[in-house]
Amino acid sequence: MKLKTINLKGKEYCQVVDRLKYFNDTHKNGSIETSYDLTTKGVVFTAKVFIEGNLRATGHSYKPMTSEFNLEKAETRAIGRALAIFGIGADASISSYEEAQEAINQQNKQRNPYE
């Protein structure tokens, strides 16, 4: 099954929600477990993909503590990376659409910090 992708600056990316739907539809005996370590500088999320209780893939994400800090985004990013490492939605890139868009937004802010 080919997953839906979104074009971002000429590259195709799969959204985490589509990776997750595919995983849930095709792996009824699978599960995803997340955990995090919160520090004064940020948070590291870990997402683990299990099939029949066996660990099959792990993904991590880091979000620094900023005014735009968002635990949900960090968790979503880790899940997306774990699913991509497992092989879902990683045809063009391990990165998800959300991850790529955030990186582009961050680059634009660095170029013009007054926006």
PDB file of N, CA and C in Angstrom:
ATOM      1  N   MET A   1       0.840  -1.184   0.000  1.00  0.00           N
ATOM      2  CA  MET A   1       0.000   0.000   0.000  1.00  0.00           C
ATOM      3  C   MET A   1       0.884   1.246   0.000  1.00  0.00           C
ATOM      4  N   LYS A   2       0.645   2.116  -0.942  1.00  0.00           N
ATOM      5  CA  LYS A   2       1.407   3.362  -1.032  1.00  0.00           C
ATOM      6  C   LYS A   2       0.769   4.400  -0.115  1.00  0.00           C
ATOM      7  N   LEU A   3       1.572   4.994   0.714  1.00  0.00           N
ATOM      8  CA  LEU A   3       1.084   6.016   1.634  1.00  0.00           C
ATOM      9  C   LEU A   3       1.014   7.371   0.938  1.00  0.00           C
ATOM     10  N   LYS A   4       0.076   8.168   1.387  1.00  0.00           N
ATOM     11  CA  LYS A   4      -0.076   9.525   0.865  1.00  0.00           C
ATOM     12  C   LYS A   4       1.114  10.363   1.327  1.00  0.00           C
ATOM     13  N   THR A   5       1.628  11.176   0.427  1.00  0.00           N
ATOM     14  CA  THR A   5       2.726  12.077   0.772  1.00  0.00           C
ATOM     15  C   THR A   5       2.341  13.505   0.412  1.00  0.00           C
ATOM     16  N   ILE A   6       3.085  14.422   0.964  1.00  0.00           N
ATOM     17  CA  ILE A   6       2.908  15.846   0.696  1.00  0.00           C
ATOM     18  C   ILE A   6       4.245  16.379   0.189  1.00  0.00           C
ATOM     19  N   ASN A   7       4.172  17.174  -0.882  1.00  0.00           N
ATOM     20  CA  ASN A   7       5.376  17.744  -1.461  1.00  0.00           C
ATOM     21  C   ASN A   7       5.753  19.003  -0.701  1.00  0.00           C
ATOM     22  N   LEU A   8       7.005  19.053  -0.286  1.00  0.00           N
ATOM     23  CA  LEU A   8       7.524  20.209   0.426  1.00  0.00           C
ATOM     24  C   LEU A   8       8.875  20.560  -0.178  1.00  0.00           C
ATOM     25  N   LYS A   9       8.895  21.671  -0.899  1.00  0.00           N
ATOM     26  CA  LYS A   9      10.124  22.138  -1.549  1.00  0.00           C
ATOM     27  C   LYS A   9      10.748  21.060  -2.444  1.00  0.00           C
ATOM     28  N   GLY A  10       9.885  20.347  -3.177  1.00  0.00           N
ATOM     29  CA  GLY A  10      10.364  19.378  -4.155  1.00  0.00           C
ATOM     30  C   GLY A  10      10.618  17.977  -3.628  1.00  0.00           C
ATOM     31  N   LYS A  11      10.424  17.749  -2.341  1.00  0.00           N
ATOM     32  CA  LYS A  11      10.609  16.406  -1.769  1.00  0.00           C
ATOM     33  C   LYS A  11       9.289  15.916  -1.201  1.00  0.00           C
ATOM     34  N   GLU A  12       9.075  14.617  -1.286  1.00  0.00           N
ATOM     35  CA  GLU A  12       7.850  14.012  -0.773  1.00  0.00           C
ATOM     36  C   GLU A  12       8.048  13.556   0.667  1.00  0.00           C
ATOM     37  N   TYR A  13       7.094  13.919   1.519  1.00  0.00           N
ATOM     38  CA  TYR A  13       7.125  13.534   2.926  1.00  0.00           C
ATOM     39  C   TYR A  13       5.776  12.947   3.317  1.00  0.00           C
ATOM     40  N   CYS A  14       5.817  11.972   4.191  1.00  0.00           N
ATOM     41  CA  CYS A  14       4.607  11.333   4.696  1.00  0.00           C
ATOM     42  C   CYS A  14       4.296  11.896   6.081  1.00  0.00           C
ATOM     43  N   GLN A  15       3.036  12.252   6.303  1.00  0.00           N
ATOM     44  CA  GLN A  15       2.658  12.777   7.609  1.00  0.00           C
ATOM     45  C   GLN A  15       2.632  11.641   8.635  1.00  0.00           C
ATOM     46  N   VAL A  16       2.907  11.986   9.881  1.00  0.00           N
ATOM     47  CA  VAL A  16       2.920  10.996  10.960  1.00  0.00           C
ATOM     48  C   VAL A  16       1.546  10.353  11.098  1.00  0.00           C
ATOM     49  N   VAL A  17       0.486  11.117  10.960  1.00  0.00           N
ATOM     50  CA  VAL A  17      -0.858  10.555  11.107  1.00  0.00           C
ATOM     51  C   VAL A  17      -1.092   9.447  10.077  1.00  0.00           C
ATOM     52  N   ASP A  18      -0.581   9.604   8.865  1.00  0.00           N
ATOM     53  CA  ASP A  18      -0.745   8.569   7.847  1.00  0.00           C
ATOM     54  C   ASP A  18       0.114   7.339   8.150  1.00  0.00           C
ATOM     55  N   ARG A  19       1.310   7.551   8.681  1.00  0.00           N
ATOM     56  CA  ARG A  19       2.153   6.425   9.100  1.00  0.00           C
ATOM     57  C   ARG A  19       1.463   5.645  10.216  1.00  0.00           C
ATOM     58  N   LEU A  20       0.893   6.372  11.159  1.00  0.00           N
ATOM     59  CA  LEU A  20       0.232   5.752  12.309  1.00  0.00           C
ATOM     60  C   LEU A  20      -1.024   4.981  11.890  1.00  0.00           C
ATOM     61  N   LYS A  21      -1.833   5.554  11.005  1.00  0.00           N
ATOM     62  CA  LYS A  21      -3.020   4.853  10.503  1.00  0.00           C
ATOM     63  C   LYS A  21      -2.625   3.556   9.811  1.00  0.00           C
ATOM     64  N   TYR A  22      -1.601   3.623   8.973  1.00  0.00           N
ATOM     65  CA  TYR A  22      -1.135   2.437   8.268  1.00  0.00           C
ATOM     66  C   TYR A  22      -0.674   1.368   9.258  1.00  0.00           C
ATOM     67  N   PHE A  23       0.099   1.780  10.246  1.00  0.00           N
ATOM     68  CA  PHE A  23       0.587   0.840  11.259  1.00  0.00           C
ATOM     69  C   PHE A  23      -0.593   0.175  11.966  1.00  0.00           C
ATOM     70  N   ASN A  24      -1.560   0.960  12.407  1.00  0.00           N
ATOM     71  CA  ASN A  24      -2.711   0.408  13.127  1.00  0.00           C
ATOM     72  C   ASN A  24      -3.557  -0.507  12.251  1.00  0.00           C
ATOM     73  N   ASP A  25      -3.670  -0.195  10.963  1.00  0.00           N
ATOM     74  CA  ASP A  25      -4.451  -1.029  10.048  1.00  0.00           C
ATOM     75  C   ASP A  25      -3.759  -2.337   9.691  1.00  0.00           C
ATOM     76  N   THR A  26      -2.444  -2.305   9.608  1.00  0.00           N
ATOM     77  CA  THR A  26      -1.715  -3.484   9.124  1.00  0.00           C
ATOM     78  C   THR A  26      -1.065  -4.318  10.223  1.00  0.00           C
ATOM     79  N   HIS A  27      -0.973  -3.799  11.416  1.00  0.00           N
ATOM     80  CA  HIS A  27      -0.314  -4.518  12.516  1.00  0.00           C
ATOM     81  C   HIS A  27      -1.222  -4.534  13.740  1.00  0.00           C
ATOM     82  N   LYS A  28      -2.276  -5.330  13.656  1.00  0.00           N
ATOM     83  CA  LYS A  28      -3.268  -5.405  14.750  1.00  0.00           C
ATOM     84  C   LYS A  28      -2.624  -5.881  16.059  1.00  0.00           C
ATOM     85  N   ASN A  29      -1.534  -6.623  15.953  1.00  0.00           N
ATOM     86  CA  ASN A  29      -0.832  -7.120  17.141  1.00  0.00           C
ATOM     87  C   ASN A  29       0.351  -6.234  17.522  1.00  0.00           C
ATOM     88  N   GLY A  30       0.356  -5.016  16.987  1.00  0.00           N
ATOM     89  CA  GLY A  30       1.449  -4.090  17.262  1.00  0.00           C
ATOM     90  C   GLY A  30       1.049  -3.019  18.260  1.00  0.00           C
ATOM     91  N   SER A  31       2.062  -2.387  18.816  1.00  0.00           N
ATOM     92  CA  SER A  31       1.832  -1.281  19.739  1.00  0.00           C
ATOM     93  C   SER A  31       3.010  -0.319  19.668  1.00  0.00           C
ATOM     94  N   ILE A  32       2.760   0.893  20.135  1.00  0.00           N
ATOM     95  CA  ILE A  32       3.804   1.913  20.200  1.00  0.00           C
ATOM     96  C   ILE A  32       3.825   2.449  21.619  1.00  0.00           C
ATOM     97  N   GLU A  33       5.005   2.474  22.188  1.00  0.00           N
ATOM     98  CA  GLU A  33       5.191   2.946  23.558  1.00  0.00           C
ATOM     99  C   GLU A  33       6.075   4.183  23.526  1.00  0.00           C
ATOM    100  N   THR A  34       5.666   5.236  24.230  1.00  0.00           N
ATOM    101  CA  THR A  34       6.485   6.444  24.279  1.00  0.00           C
ATOM    102  C   THR A  34       6.884   6.752  25.719  1.00  0.00           C
ATOM    103  N   SER A  35       8.020   7.393  25.835  1.00  0.00           N
ATOM    104  CA  SER A  35       8.495   7.879  27.136  1.00  0.00           C
ATOM    105  C   SER A  35       9.312   9.136  26.874  1.00  0.00           C
ATOM    106  N   TYR A  36       9.579   9.873  27.944  1.00  0.00           N
ATOM    107  CA  TYR A  36      10.368  11.089  27.757  1.00  0.00           C
ATOM    108  C   TYR A  36      11.223  11.382  28.981  1.00  0.00           C
ATOM    109  N   ASP A  37      12.283  12.121  28.725  1.00  0.00           N
ATOM    110  CA  ASP A  37      13.161  12.639  29.777  1.00  0.00           C
ATOM    111  C   ASP A  37      13.131  14.154  29.671  1.00  0.00           C
ATOM    112  N   LEU A  38      12.644  14.796  30.703  1.00  0.00           N
ATOM    113  CA  LEU A  38      12.519  16.248  30.732  1.00  0.00           C
ATOM    114  C   LEU A  38      13.672  16.824  31.546  1.00  0.00           C
ATOM    115  N   THR A  39      14.364  17.805  30.955  1.00  0.00           N
ATOM    116  CA  THR A  39      15.450  18.489  31.645  1.00  0.00           C
ATOM    117  C   THR A  39      15.169  19.987  31.620  1.00  0.00           C
ATOM    118  N   THR A  40      16.028  20.754  32.209  1.00  0.00           N
ATOM    119  CA  THR A  40      15.847  22.211  32.171  1.00  0.00           C
ATOM    120  C   THR A  40      16.125  22.766  30.774  1.00  0.00           C
ATOM    121  N   LYS A  41      16.827  22.007  29.925  1.00  0.00           N
ATOM    122  CA  LYS A  41      17.151  22.477  28.580  1.00  0.00           C
ATOM    123  C   LYS A  41      16.171  22.006  27.519  1.00  0.00           C
ATOM    124  N   GLY A  42      15.404  20.961  27.793  1.00  0.00           N
ATOM    125  CA  GLY A  42      14.470  20.452  26.799  1.00  0.00           C
ATOM    126  C   GLY A  42      13.960  19.072  27.159  1.00  0.00           C
ATOM    127  N   VAL A  43      13.432  18.403  26.158  1.00  0.00           N
ATOM    128  CA  VAL A  43      12.869  17.078  26.363  1.00  0.00           C
ATOM    129  C   VAL A  43      13.352  16.146  25.248  1.00  0.00           C
ATOM    130  N   VAL A  44      13.646  14.906  25.635  1.00  0.00           N
ATOM    131  CA  VAL A  44      13.975  13.856  24.684  1.00  0.00           C
ATOM    132  C   VAL A  44      12.857  12.822  24.759  1.00  0.00           C
ATOM    133  N   PHE A  45      12.180  12.608  23.638  1.00  0.00           N
ATOM    134  CA  PHE A  45      11.143  11.587  23.557  1.00  0.00           C
ATOM    135  C   PHE A  45      11.711  10.354  22.897  1.00  0.00           C
ATOM    136  N   THR A  46      11.272   9.200  23.362  1.00  0.00           N
ATOM    137  CA  THR A  46      11.604   7.929  22.761  1.00  0.00           C
ATOM    138  C   THR A  46      10.298   7.224  22.417  1.00  0.00           C
ATOM    139  N   ALA A  47      10.201   6.729  21.205  1.00  0.00           N
ATOM    140  CA  ALA A  47       9.046   5.934  20.786  1.00  0.00           C
ATOM    141  C   ALA A  47       9.563   4.568  20.362  1.00  0.00           C
ATOM    142  N   LYS A  48       8.897   3.530  20.842  1.00  0.00           N
ATOM    143  CA  LYS A  48       9.287   2.156  20.521  1.00  0.00           C
ATOM    144  C   LYS A  48       8.124   1.449  19.845  1.00  0.00           C
ATOM    145  N   VAL A  49       8.435   0.788  18.728  1.00  0.00           N
ATOM    146  CA  VAL A  49       7.446   0.022  17.975  1.00  0.00           C
ATOM    147  C   VAL A  49       7.607  -1.445  18.345  1.00  0.00           C
ATOM    148  N   PHE A  50       6.503  -2.047  18.780  1.00  0.00           N
ATOM    149  CA  PHE A  50       6.488  -3.460  19.158  1.00  0.00           C
ATOM    150  C   PHE A  50       5.539  -4.232  18.256  1.00  0.00           C
ATOM    151  N   ILE A  51       5.925  -5.431  17.861  1.00  0.00           N
ATOM    152  CA  ILE A  51       5.053  -6.374  17.173  1.00  0.00           C
ATOM    153  C   ILE A  51       5.060  -7.651  18.006  1.00  0.00           C
ATOM    154  N   GLU A  52       3.874  -8.043  18.460  1.00  0.00           N
ATOM    155  CA  GLU A  52       3.722  -9.216  19.328  1.00  0.00           C
ATOM    156  C   GLU A  52       4.678  -9.157  20.513  1.00  0.00           C
ATOM    157  N   GLY A  53       4.838  -7.976  21.069  1.00  0.00           N
ATOM    158  CA  GLY A  53       5.677  -7.797  22.248  1.00  0.00           C
ATOM    159  C   GLY A  53       7.163  -7.701  21.976  1.00  0.00           C
ATOM    160  N   ASN A  54       7.573  -7.838  20.713  1.00  0.00           N
ATOM    161  CA  ASN A  54       8.990  -7.760  20.354  1.00  0.00           C
ATOM    162  C   ASN A  54       9.322  -6.367  19.826  1.00  0.00           C
ATOM    163  N   LEU A  55      10.361  -5.762  20.387  1.00  0.00           N
ATOM    164  CA  LEU A  55      10.804  -4.441  19.947  1.00  0.00           C
ATOM    165  C   LEU A  55      11.334  -4.538  18.525  1.00  0.00           C
ATOM    166  N   ARG A  56      10.758  -3.712  17.627  1.00  0.00           N
ATOM    167  CA  ARG A  56      11.152  -3.757  16.221  1.00  0.00           C
ATOM    168  C   ARG A  56      11.823  -2.473  15.743  1.00  0.00           C
ATOM    169  N   ALA A  57      11.549  -1.347  16.405  1.00  0.00           N
ATOM    170  CA  ALA A  57      12.154  -0.078  15.994  1.00  0.00           C
ATOM    171  C   ALA A  57      12.036   0.936  17.119  1.00  0.00           C
ATOM    172  N   THR A  58      12.987   1.870  17.130  1.00  0.00           N
ATOM    173  CA  THR A  58      12.998   2.948  18.115  1.00  0.00           C
ATOM    174  C   THR A  58      13.278   4.262  17.398  1.00  0.00           C
ATOM    175  N   GLY A  59      12.593   5.306  17.820  1.00  0.00           N
ATOM    176  CA  GLY A  59      12.837   6.639  17.285  1.00  0.00           C
ATOM    177  C   GLY A  59      12.941   7.634  18.425  1.00  0.00           C
ATOM    178  N   HIS A  60      13.734   8.667  18.220  1.00  0.00           N
ATOM    179  CA  HIS A  60      13.923   9.699  19.249  1.00  0.00           C
ATOM    180  C   HIS A  60      13.656  11.080  18.664  1.00  0.00           C
ATOM    181  N   SER A  61      13.345  11.998  19.532  1.00  0.00           N
ATOM    182  CA  SER A  61      13.275  13.402  19.130  1.00  0.00           C
ATOM    183  C   SER A  61      13.704  14.259  20.311  1.00  0.00           C
ATOM    184  N   TYR A  62      14.188  15.432  19.971  1.00  0.00           N
ATOM    185  CA  TYR A  62      14.614  16.390  20.994  1.00  0.00           C
ATOM    186  C   TYR A  62      13.963  17.726  20.706  1.00  0.00           C
ATOM    187  N   LYS A  63      13.394  18.326  21.709  1.00  0.00           N
ATOM    188  CA  LYS A  63      12.840  19.681  21.597  1.00  0.00           C
ATOM    189  C   LYS A  63      13.477  20.524  22.691  1.00  0.00           C
ATOM    190  N   PRO A  64      14.160  21.600  22.310  1.00  0.00           N
ATOM    191  CA  PRO A  64      14.720  22.490  23.330  1.00  0.00           C
ATOM    192  C   PRO A  64      13.620  23.268  24.036  1.00  0.00           C
ATOM    193  N   MET A  65      13.890  23.670  25.244  1.00  0.00           N
ATOM    194  CA  MET A  65      12.951  24.467  26.029  1.00  0.00           C
ATOM    195  C   MET A  65      12.979  25.889  25.477  1.00  0.00           C
ATOM    196  N   THR A  66      11.939  26.269  24.729  1.00  0.00           N
ATOM    197  CA  THR A  66      11.827  27.603  24.156  1.00  0.00           C
ATOM    198  C   THR A  66      10.406  28.110  24.398  1.00  0.00           C
ATOM    199  N   SER A  67      10.129  29.292  23.915  1.00  0.00           N
ATOM    200  CA  SER A  67       8.773  29.828  24.052  1.00  0.00           C
ATOM    201  C   SER A  67       7.777  29.020  23.225  1.00  0.00           C
ATOM    202  N   GLU A  68       8.268  28.265  22.230  1.00  0.00           N
ATOM    203  CA  GLU A  68       7.411  27.443  21.378  1.00  0.00           C
ATOM    204  C   GLU A  68       7.449  25.977  21.795  1.00  0.00           C
ATOM    205  N   PHE A  69       7.845  25.708  23.006  1.00  0.00           N
ATOM    206  CA  PHE A  69       7.990  24.337  23.501  1.00  0.00           C
ATOM    207  C   PHE A  69       6.649  23.612  23.450  1.00  0.00           C
ATOM    208  N   ASN A  70       6.658  22.373  22.939  1.00  0.00           N
ATOM    209  CA  ASN A  70       5.423  21.614  22.788  1.00  0.00           C
ATOM    210  C   ASN A  70       5.727  20.124  22.944  1.00  0.00           C
ATOM    211  N   LEU A  71       5.270  19.528  24.046  1.00  0.00           N
ATOM    212  CA  LEU A  71       5.505  18.103  24.287  1.00  0.00           C
ATOM    213  C   LEU A  71       4.877  17.230  23.218  1.00  0.00           C
ATOM    214  N   GLU A  72       3.677  17.597  22.768  1.00  0.00           N
ATOM    215  CA  GLU A  72       2.982  16.786  21.779  1.00  0.00           C
ATOM    216  C   GLU A  72       3.761  16.700  20.471  1.00  0.00           C
ATOM    217  N   LYS A  73       4.342  17.805  20.042  1.00  0.00           N
ATOM    218  CA  LYS A  73       5.134  17.786  18.808  1.00  0.00           C
ATOM    219  C   LYS A  73       6.352  16.879  18.959  1.00  0.00           C
ATOM    220  N   ALA A  74       6.990  16.932  20.117  1.00  0.00           N
ATOM    221  CA  ALA A  74       8.163  16.091  20.344  1.00  0.00           C
ATOM    222  C   ALA A  74       7.772  14.613  20.322  1.00  0.00           C
ATOM    223  N   GLU A  75       6.645  14.288  20.923  1.00  0.00           N
ATOM    224  CA  GLU A  75       6.189  12.894  20.929  1.00  0.00           C
ATOM    225  C   GLU A  75       5.823  12.437  19.516  1.00  0.00           C
ATOM    226  N   THR A  76       5.108  13.281  18.790  1.00  0.00           N
ATOM    227  CA  THR A  76       4.715  12.946  17.418  1.00  0.00           C
ATOM    228  C   THR A  76       5.934  12.714  16.549  1.00  0.00           C
ATOM    229  N   ARG A  77       6.938  13.560  16.693  1.00  0.00           N
ATOM    230  CA  ARG A  77       8.167  13.410  15.912  1.00  0.00           C
ATOM    231  C   ARG A  77       8.844  12.074  16.215  1.00  0.00           C
ATOM    232  N   ALA A  78       8.928  11.701  17.479  1.00  0.00           N
ATOM    233  CA  ALA A  78       9.557  10.427  17.850  1.00  0.00           C
ATOM    234  C   ALA A  78       8.775   9.253  17.267  1.00  0.00           C
ATOM    235  N   ILE A  79       7.450   9.315  17.329  1.00  0.00           N
ATOM    236  CA  ILE A  79       6.617   8.242  16.762  1.00  0.00           C
ATOM    237  C   ILE A  79       6.839   8.147  15.259  1.00  0.00           C
ATOM    238  N   GLY A  80       6.841   9.283  14.581  1.00  0.00           N
ATOM    239  CA  GLY A  80       7.063   9.289  13.138  1.00  0.00           C
ATOM    240  C   GLY A  80       8.399   8.691  12.762  1.00  0.00           C
ATOM    241  N   ARG A  81       9.431   9.017  13.515  1.00  0.00           N
ATOM    242  CA  ARG A  81      10.763   8.477  13.229  1.00  0.00           C
ATOM    243  C   ARG A  81      10.813   6.972  13.497  1.00  0.00           C
ATOM    244  N   ALA A  82      10.189   6.516  14.577  1.00  0.00           N
ATOM    245  CA  ALA A  82      10.178   5.076  14.885  1.00  0.00           C
ATOM    246  C   ALA A  82       9.453   4.306  13.782  1.00  0.00           C
ATOM    247  N   LEU A  83       8.328   4.829  13.320  1.00  0.00           N
ATOM    248  CA  LEU A  83       7.583   4.151  12.260  1.00  0.00           C
ATOM    249  C   LEU A  83       8.370   4.152  10.949  1.00  0.00           C
ATOM    250  N   ALA A  84       9.077   5.238  10.662  1.00  0.00           N
ATOM    251  CA  ALA A  84       9.898   5.285   9.454  1.00  0.00           C
ATOM    252  C   ALA A  84      11.044   4.286   9.541  1.00  0.00           C
ATOM    253  N   ILE A  85      11.671   4.197  10.693  1.00  0.00           N
ATOM    254  CA  ILE A  85      12.760   3.232  10.870  1.00  0.00           C
ATOM    255  C   ILE A  85      12.222   1.810  10.739  1.00  0.00           C
ATOM    256  N   PHE A  86      10.988   1.588  11.173  1.00  0.00           N
ATOM    257  CA  PHE A  86      10.312   0.305  11.012  1.00  0.00           C
ATOM    258  C   PHE A  86      10.001   0.039   9.537  1.00  0.00           C
ATOM    259  N   GLY A  87       9.961   1.102   8.731  1.00  0.00           N
ATOM    260  CA  GLY A  87       9.755   0.948   7.298  1.00  0.00           C
ATOM    261  C   GLY A  87       8.460   1.535   6.777  1.00  0.00           C
ATOM    262  N   ILE A  88       7.737   2.255   7.606  1.00  0.00           N
ATOM    263  CA  ILE A  88       6.455   2.833   7.188  1.00  0.00           C
ATOM    264  C   ILE A  88       6.645   4.304   6.843  1.00  0.00           C
ATOM    265  N   GLY A  89       6.372   4.634   5.594  1.00  0.00           N
ATOM    266  CA  GLY A  89       6.429   6.027   5.157  1.00  0.00           C
ATOM    267  C   GLY A  89       7.831   6.551   4.974  1.00  0.00           C
ATOM    268  N   ALA A  90       8.775   5.670   4.743  1.00  0.00           N
ATOM    269  CA  ALA A  90      10.170   6.102   4.621  1.00  0.00           C
ATOM    270  C   ALA A  90      10.688   5.966   3.196  1.00  0.00           C
ATOM    271  N   ASP A  91       9.793   6.001   2.202  1.00  0.00           N
ATOM    272  CA  ASP A  91      10.228   5.858   0.817  1.00  0.00           C
ATOM    273  C   ASP A  91      11.198   6.954   0.405  1.00  0.00           C
ATOM    274  N   ALA A  92      10.863   8.191   0.761  1.00  0.00           N
ATOM    275  CA  ALA A  92      11.700   9.316   0.354  1.00  0.00           C
ATOM    276  C   ALA A  92      12.606   9.800   1.474  1.00  0.00           C
ATOM    277  N   SER A  93      12.145   9.662   2.717  1.00  0.00           N
ATOM    278  CA  SER A  93      12.901  10.237   3.832  1.00  0.00           C
ATOM    279  C   SER A  93      12.414   9.667   5.153  1.00  0.00           C
ATOM    280  N   ILE A  94      13.295   9.589   6.132  1.00  0.00           N
ATOM    281  CA  ILE A  94      12.903   9.213   7.490  1.00  0.00           C
ATOM    282  C   ILE A  94      12.087  10.346   8.106  1.00  0.00           C
ATOM    283  N   SER A  95      12.403  11.558   7.719  1.00  0.00           N
ATOM    284  CA  SER A  95      11.692  12.718   8.257  1.00  0.00           C
ATOM    285  C   SER A  95      10.237  12.708   7.816  1.00  0.00           C
ATOM    286  N   SER A  96       9.393  13.200   8.701  1.00  0.00           N
ATOM    287  CA  SER A  96       7.981  13.359   8.357  1.00  0.00           C
ATOM    288  C   SER A  96       7.767  14.747   7.774  1.00  0.00           C
ATOM    289  N   TYR A  97       6.600  14.958   7.211  1.00  0.00           N
ATOM    290  CA  TYR A  97       6.245  16.279   6.699  1.00  0.00           C
ATOM    291  C   TYR A  97       6.365  17.318   7.810  1.00  0.00           C
ATOM    292  N   GLU A  98       5.833  16.974   8.993  1.00  0.00           N
ATOM    293  CA  GLU A  98       5.849  17.918  10.111  1.00  0.00           C
ATOM    294  C   GLU A  98       7.284  18.291  10.491  1.00  0.00           C
ATOM    295  N   GLU A  99       8.156  17.295  10.493  1.00  0.00           N
ATOM    296  CA  GLU A  99       9.553  17.520  10.852  1.00  0.00           C
ATOM    297  C   GLU A  99      10.248  18.418   9.822  1.00  0.00           C
ATOM    298  N   ALA A 100      10.016  18.137   8.549  1.00  0.00           N
ATOM    299  CA  ALA A 100      10.635  18.937   7.490  1.00  0.00           C
ATOM    300  C   ALA A 100      10.113  20.372   7.513  1.00  0.00           C
ATOM    301  N   GLN A 101       8.807  20.534   7.700  1.00  0.00           N
ATOM    302  CA  GLN A 101       8.218  21.873   7.748  1.00  0.00           C
ATOM    303  C   GLN A 101       8.777  22.667   8.925  1.00  0.00           C
ATOM    304  N   GLU A 102       8.925  22.023  10.065  1.00  0.00           N
ATOM    305  CA  GLU A 102       9.478  22.707  11.236  1.00  0.00           C
ATOM    306  C   GLU A 102      10.910  23.154  10.988  1.00  0.00           C
ATOM    307  N   ALA A 103      11.694  22.311  10.312  1.00  0.00           N
ATOM    308  CA  ALA A 103      13.083  22.672  10.001  1.00  0.00           C
ATOM    309  C   ALA A 103      13.133  23.877   9.064  1.00  0.00           C
ATOM    310  N   ILE A 104      12.255  23.902   8.076  1.00  0.00           N
ATOM    311  CA  ILE A 104      12.203  25.036   7.146  1.00  0.00           C
ATOM    312  C   ILE A 104      11.792  26.305   7.890  1.00  0.00           C
ATOM    313  N   ASN A 105      10.795  26.204   8.752  1.00  0.00           N
ATOM    314  CA  ASN A 105      10.364  27.365   9.537  1.00  0.00           C
ATOM    315  C   ASN A 105      11.494  27.898  10.404  1.00  0.00           C
ATOM    316  N   GLN A 106      12.263  26.985  11.003  1.00  0.00           N
ATOM    317  CA  GLN A 106      13.378  27.382  11.858  1.00  0.00           C
ATOM    318  C   GLN A 106      14.464  28.087  11.037  1.00  0.00           C
ATOM    319  N   GLN A 107      14.753  27.569   9.845  1.00  0.00           N
ATOM    320  CA  GLN A 107      15.735  28.215   8.967  1.00  0.00           C
ATOM    321  C   GLN A 107      15.277  29.623   8.592  1.00  0.00           C
ATOM    322  N   ASN A 108      13.996  29.769   8.285  1.00  0.00           N
ATOM    323  CA  ASN A 108      13.470  31.087   7.922  1.00  0.00           C
ATOM    324  C   ASN A 108      13.569  32.071   9.076  1.00  0.00           C
ATOM    325  N   LYS A 109      13.340  31.607  10.300  1.00  0.00           N
ATOM    326  CA  LYS A 109      13.460  32.474  11.479  1.00  0.00           C
ATOM    327  C   LYS A 109      14.905  32.928  11.680  1.00  0.00           C
ATOM    328  N   GLN A 110      15.847  32.023  11.421  1.00  0.00           N
ATOM    329  CA  GLN A 110      17.252  32.369  11.581  1.00  0.00           C
ATOM    330  C   GLN A 110      17.674  33.404  10.558  1.00  0.00           C
ATOM    331  N   ARG A 111      17.095  33.314   9.357  1.00  0.00           N
ATOM    332  CA  ARG A 111      17.416  34.300   8.320  1.00  0.00           C
ATOM    333  C   ARG A 111      16.835  35.662   8.632  1.00  0.00           C
ATOM    334  N   ASN A 112      15.622  35.665   9.210  1.00  0.00           N
ATOM    335  CA  ASN A 112      14.938  36.916   9.526  1.00  0.00           C
ATOM    336  C   ASN A 112      14.370  36.824  10.929  1.00  0.00           C
ATOM    337  N   PRO A 113      15.186  37.082  11.939  1.00  0.00           N
ATOM    338  CA  PRO A 113      14.740  36.909  13.321  1.00  0.00           C
ATOM    339  C   PRO A 113      13.691  37.927  13.776  1.00  0.00           C
ATOM    340  N   TYR A 114      13.367  38.907  12.940  1.00  0.00           N
ATOM    341  CA  TYR A 114      12.410  39.948  13.347  1.00  0.00           C
ATOM    342  C   TYR A 114      10.986  39.652  12.900  1.00  0.00           C
ATOM    343  N   GLU A 115      10.765  38.495  12.275  1.00  0.00           N
ATOM    344  CA  GLU A 115       9.402  38.112  11.847  1.00  0.00           C
ATOM    345  C   GLU A 115       8.646  37.516  12.999  1.00  0.00           C
TER     346      GLU A 115
END
